[in-house]
Amino acid sequence: MKVVLVAVVFLLAQAGIPNAEAASYEPLLALQAGPTGPENSGLLKYTDGFYYGVSKSGGSYGYGTLYRVNELGEITVLVHFSGNSGIAKGRRPQCGLLDDGNGHLWGTTVLGGVGNFGTGFGTVFRFNPVTWDFTSVASFTGTTGFAKGSLPQGGVQKDANGQIWGTTSAGGSGGNGTIFKIGASNLVFSHVLDFSGNDGSSRGKAPFGELKWDENSQRFLGSTAEGGFNGLGTVFAFNPAANQFTTLA
């Protein structure tokens, strides 16, 4: 039987020695294209001692999984993403998970979700590691509709008040991408901003990376791959309290 190894989960132990030569590398398990699928995001260590992650393909439907693994390398698949319908709507979860500090893990899928949109425009989901309850919180709707945006590729982050924020790399009124917000407790989705391309008040296009929360300025920092004055991308800041967008570079 031929097995193709596509990813490895590992521990890197330093044993208290500061130099890199002293570090030891211990493979825990290799994920195969099949029951779990290839992994391309990092692992999150939760308070229960398990490491949680996602695979962008594989699983029962071929649309990706959410799994946990312990330090012995024992893996448990917790969620099989189900595309445009089913309990676990979503497809291709390729970003790392967020621990909201209130008993849930959050993530996004690049494709899938409710609606007759072919492969779908992507989703935001929430998972309870204790009860294993999965909630499809939002399905993006492209350039129109309630949840404008598509292809969320940067995961989600939380602000100082615990609210969930993220970007979509496309969609929105101009097709340049969006910023969105979700209430952590009431799960209410809000479309906050449309990127405006090469000019306008929110210059930028295709925000692929995740937002970073800056405690000092109480703002999110982010970047876009395209747009801006020269069309080569931007660096921006967004203040949630003031609802203020600033192009930094």
Protein backbone atom coordinates (compact mmCIF):
# COMPACT_ATOMS: atom_id res chain seq x y z
CA MET A 1 0.00 0.00 0.00
CA LYS A 2 1.39 3.38 -1.00
CA VAL A 3 0.92 6.23 1.48
CA VAL A 4 1.68 9.83 0.50
CA LEU A 5 2.57 12.01 3.47
CA VAL A 6 1.50 15.61 2.98
CA ALA A 7 2.02 17.16 6.42
CA VAL A 8 3.59 16.48 9.78
CA VAL A 9 2.57 17.58 13.26
CA PHE A 10 5.59 17.87 15.52
CA LEU A 11 6.95 19.06 18.85
CA LEU A 12 10.12 21.11 19.09
CA ALA A 13 11.64 20.69 22.52
CA GLN A 14 14.32 23.06 23.74
CA ALA A 15 14.86 21.37 27.13
CA GLY A 16 15.78 24.72 28.64
CA ILE A 17 18.88 25.19 26.48
CA PRO A 18 18.93 28.55 24.67
CA ASN A 19 20.93 27.66 21.56
CA ALA A 20 19.24 26.21 18.48
CA GLU A 21 21.61 23.23 18.26
CA ALA A 22 20.18 21.84 21.49
CA ALA A 23 16.62 21.71 20.16
CA SER A 24 15.18 18.30 19.36
CA TYR A 25 12.58 17.56 16.70
CA GLU A 26 10.00 14.89 17.42
CA PRO A 27 7.45 13.95 14.71
CA LEU A 28 4.07 13.16 16.24
CA LEU A 29 2.04 12.09 13.24
CA ALA A 30 1.76 12.52 9.50
CA LEU A 31 -1.56 13.63 8.04
CA GLN A 32 -2.60 11.78 4.90
CA ALA A 33 -4.74 12.98 2.01
CA GLY A 34 -7.90 11.13 3.00
CA PRO A 35 -9.38 11.01 6.49
CA THR A 36 -8.02 14.38 7.55
CA GLY A 37 -6.41 16.01 4.53
CA PRO A 38 -3.35 18.25 4.14
CA GLU A 39 -2.76 20.87 6.80
CA ASN A 40 -1.50 24.37 6.04
CA SER A 41 -2.36 26.41 9.14
CA GLY A 42 -0.81 26.42 12.57
CA LEU A 43 -2.05 24.59 15.66
CA LEU A 44 -3.67 26.32 18.62
CA LYS A 45 -3.09 24.94 22.11
CA TYR A 46 -6.33 25.23 24.07
CA THR A 47 -6.84 25.24 27.84
CA ASP A 48 -7.77 21.54 27.79
CA GLY A 49 -4.21 20.67 26.74
CA PHE A 50 -5.14 19.62 23.20
CA TYR A 51 -3.85 21.23 20.02
CA TYR A 52 -6.56 22.28 17.55
CA GLY A 53 -6.19 22.83 13.82
CA VAL A 54 -7.89 22.63 10.44
CA SER A 55 -7.15 20.94 7.13
CA LYS A 56 -8.17 22.65 3.91
CA SER A 57 -9.31 19.42 2.22
CA GLY A 58 -10.06 15.81 3.06
CA GLY A 59 -12.71 14.62 5.49
CA SER A 60 -15.97 12.86 4.68
CA TYR A 61 -16.95 15.40 2.00
CA GLY A 62 -13.51 16.43 0.78
CA TYR A 63 -14.04 20.02 1.99
CA GLY A 64 -11.72 20.01 4.99
CA THR A 65 -11.82 19.20 8.69
CA LEU A 66 -11.34 20.60 12.17
CA TYR A 67 -9.36 18.28 14.44
CA ARG A 68 -7.47 18.05 17.70
CA VAL A 69 -4.28 16.22 18.59
CA ASN A 70 -2.59 15.47 21.89
CA GLU A 71 1.11 15.40 22.67
CA LEU A 72 1.24 11.65 21.99
CA GLY A 73 0.15 12.27 18.40
CA GLU A 74 -3.36 10.87 18.83
CA ILE A 75 -5.64 12.73 16.47
CA THR A 76 -9.42 13.14 16.59
CA VAL A 77 -11.39 14.62 13.71
CA LEU A 78 -14.13 16.77 15.25
CA VAL A 79 -15.80 18.43 12.25
CA HIS A 80 -16.17 17.45 8.59
CA PHE A 81 -16.97 20.60 6.60
CA SER A 82 -19.98 20.05 4.35
CA GLY A 83 -19.82 22.73 1.63
CA ASN A 84 -22.94 24.78 0.85
CA SER A 85 -25.35 22.83 3.02
CA GLY A 86 -25.44 20.52 6.01
CA ILE A 87 -24.53 21.04 9.66
CA ALA A 88 -20.95 22.22 9.15
CA LYS A 89 -21.33 24.56 6.20
CA GLY A 90 -18.03 25.72 4.70
CA ARG A 91 -15.25 24.60 2.43
CA ARG A 92 -11.46 24.98 2.57
CA PRO A 93 -10.67 26.23 6.10
CA GLN A 94 -7.08 27.33 5.59
CA CYS A 95 -6.50 29.83 8.42
CA GLY A 96 -5.54 29.27 12.03
CA LEU A 97 -8.15 29.25 14.78
CA LEU A 98 -8.87 32.01 17.33
CA ASP A 99 -9.55 31.33 21.02
CA ASP A 100 -12.05 33.99 22.11
CA GLY A 101 -11.33 33.39 25.81
CA ASN A 102 -14.99 32.54 26.45
CA GLY A 103 -15.09 28.86 25.60
CA HIS A 104 -15.10 28.96 21.81
CA LEU A 105 -12.74 28.66 18.86
CA TRP A 106 -13.42 30.75 15.76
CA GLY A 107 -12.33 30.34 12.16
CA THR A 108 -13.19 30.94 8.52
CA THR A 109 -13.56 28.92 5.37
CA VAL A 110 -12.55 30.43 2.05
CA LEU A 111 -15.46 28.82 0.18
CA GLY A 112 -18.80 27.21 0.95
CA GLY A 113 -21.76 28.56 2.87
CA VAL A 114 -25.48 29.05 2.36
CA GLY A 115 -26.83 30.17 -1.01
CA ASN A 116 -26.85 29.25 -4.64
CA PHE A 117 -23.37 30.62 -5.35
CA GLY A 118 -21.57 27.67 -6.94
CA THR A 119 -18.68 26.86 -4.61
CA GLY A 120 -19.84 29.55 -2.18
CA PHE A 121 -18.27 32.79 -0.96
CA GLY A 122 -16.95 31.54 2.36
CA THR A 123 -18.05 31.38 5.99
CA VAL A 124 -17.25 32.27 9.58
CA PHE A 125 -17.72 29.49 12.14
CA ARG A 126 -17.56 28.91 15.90
CA PHE A 127 -16.71 25.67 17.73
CA ASN A 128 -17.05 24.66 21.37
CA PRO A 129 -14.16 22.33 22.32
CA VAL A 130 -16.05 21.00 25.37
CA THR A 131 -19.42 20.12 23.83
CA TRP A 132 -18.14 19.82 20.23
CA ASP A 133 -21.00 22.08 19.12
CA PHE A 134 -20.37 23.66 15.70
CA THR A 135 -22.09 26.91 14.64
CA SER A 136 -22.02 28.34 11.13
CA VAL A 137 -22.16 32.01 12.12
CA ALA A 138 -22.13 33.77 8.72
CA SER A 139 -22.14 32.96 5.01
CA PHE A 140 -20.75 35.67 2.77
CA THR A 141 -22.83 36.92 -0.16
CA GLY A 142 -20.34 38.42 -2.61
CA THR A 143 -20.81 41.95 -3.94
CA THR A 144 -24.41 42.34 -2.79
CA GLY A 145 -26.63 41.09 0.00
CA PHE A 146 -26.56 41.29 3.77
CA ALA A 147 -23.13 39.75 4.36
CA LYS A 148 -21.15 41.34 1.54
CA GLY A 149 -17.71 39.87 0.97
CA SER A 150 -16.09 36.71 -0.37
CA LEU A 151 -12.98 34.58 0.08
CA PRO A 152 -11.99 35.33 3.70
CA GLN A 153 -8.33 34.33 3.74
CA GLY A 154 -6.97 35.94 6.91
CA GLY A 155 -8.89 34.31 9.74
CA VAL A 156 -10.45 36.39 12.52
CA GLN A 157 -9.18 38.40 15.49
CA LYS A 158 -10.80 39.99 18.54
CA ASP A 159 -10.73 43.57 19.78
CA ALA A 160 -10.40 44.85 23.35
CA ASN A 161 -14.09 44.18 23.96
CA GLY A 162 -13.94 40.61 22.68
CA GLN A 163 -15.79 41.33 19.44
CA ILE A 164 -14.75 39.29 16.40
CA TRP A 165 -13.28 41.05 13.35
CA GLY A 166 -11.93 39.95 9.99
CA THR A 167 -11.51 40.72 6.31
CA THR A 168 -12.57 39.18 3.03
CA SER A 169 -10.11 39.32 0.15
CA ALA A 170 -12.82 39.98 -2.43
CA GLY A 171 -16.48 40.93 -2.62
CA GLY A 172 -18.07 44.01 -1.19
CA SER A 173 -19.61 46.82 -3.21
CA GLY A 174 -16.54 47.32 -5.40
CA GLY A 175 -15.27 43.75 -5.35
CA ASN A 176 -12.07 44.85 -3.57
CA GLY A 177 -12.68 43.15 -0.24
CA THR A 178 -14.28 44.07 3.07
CA ILE A 179 -13.90 44.42 6.82
CA PHE A 180 -16.56 42.73 8.95
CA LYS A 181 -17.51 42.39 12.60
CA ILE A 182 -19.41 39.71 14.54
CA GLY A 183 -20.77 40.06 18.07
CA ALA A 184 -19.07 37.40 20.16
CA SER A 185 -22.13 36.79 22.33
CA ASN A 186 -25.10 37.55 20.04
CA LEU A 187 -23.41 36.40 16.80
CA VAL A 188 -24.77 39.43 14.92
CA PHE A 189 -22.89 40.03 11.65
CA SER A 190 -22.04 43.57 10.54
CA HIS A 191 -20.56 44.60 7.21
CA VAL A 192 -18.28 47.47 8.26
CA LEU A 193 -16.25 48.67 5.28
CA ASP A 194 -15.62 48.16 1.56
CA PHE A 195 -12.07 48.61 0.30
CA SER A 196 -12.01 51.17 -2.50
CA GLY A 197 -9.09 50.07 -4.70
CA ASN A 198 -6.61 52.68 -5.95
CA ASP A 199 -8.38 55.74 -4.58
CA GLY A 200 -11.21 56.72 -2.27
CA SER A 201 -11.46 56.83 1.51
CA SER A 202 -10.49 53.19 2.14
CA ARG A 203 -7.77 52.55 -0.41
CA GLY A 204 -6.66 48.96 -0.91
CA LYS A 205 -7.67 45.73 -2.60
CA ALA A 206 -7.35 42.04 -1.68
CA PRO A 207 -6.57 42.01 2.08
CA PHE A 208 -5.18 38.48 2.28
CA GLY A 209 -3.45 38.63 5.67
CA GLU A 210 -5.03 38.61 9.09
CA LEU A 211 -5.74 41.72 11.13
CA LYS A 212 -3.44 42.42 14.10
CA TRP A 213 -4.77 44.14 17.22
CA ASP A 214 -2.49 46.88 18.60
CA GLU A 215 -3.11 47.41 22.31
CA ASN A 216 -1.32 50.76 22.42
CA SER A 217 -3.36 52.48 19.73
CA GLN A 218 -6.50 50.34 20.20
CA ARG A 219 -6.59 49.77 16.46
CA PHE A 220 -6.37 46.89 14.03
CA LEU A 221 -3.46 46.91 11.60
CA GLY A 222 -3.57 45.15 8.26
CA SER A 223 -2.38 45.12 4.67
CA THR A 224 -3.72 44.64 1.17
CA ALA A 225 -1.94 42.90 -1.70
CA GLU A 226 -3.18 45.38 -4.30
CA GLY A 227 -4.71 48.84 -4.54
CA GLY A 228 -3.45 52.14 -3.18
CA PHE A 229 -2.05 55.04 -5.19
CA ASN A 230 0.37 52.83 -7.13
CA GLY A 231 -1.81 49.73 -7.20
CA LEU A 232 0.86 47.72 -5.39
CA GLY A 233 -0.81 47.29 -2.02
CA THR A 234 -1.31 49.22 1.21
CA VAL A 235 -0.86 49.15 4.96
CA PHE A 236 -3.87 50.38 6.91
CA ALA A 237 -5.24 50.91 10.41
CA PHE A 238 -8.83 50.66 11.58
CA ASN A 239 -10.16 52.04 14.86
CA PRO A 240 -13.31 50.10 15.87
CA ALA A 241 -14.40 52.58 18.54
CA ALA A 242 -14.31 55.53 16.14
CA ASN A 243 -15.13 53.50 13.03
CA GLN A 244 -12.12 55.20 11.45
CA PHE A 245 -10.03 53.83 8.57
CA THR A 246 -6.54 55.21 7.91
CA THR A 247 -4.22 54.38 5.04
CA LEU A 248 -0.75 54.30 6.56
CA ALA A 249 1.30 53.41 3.49
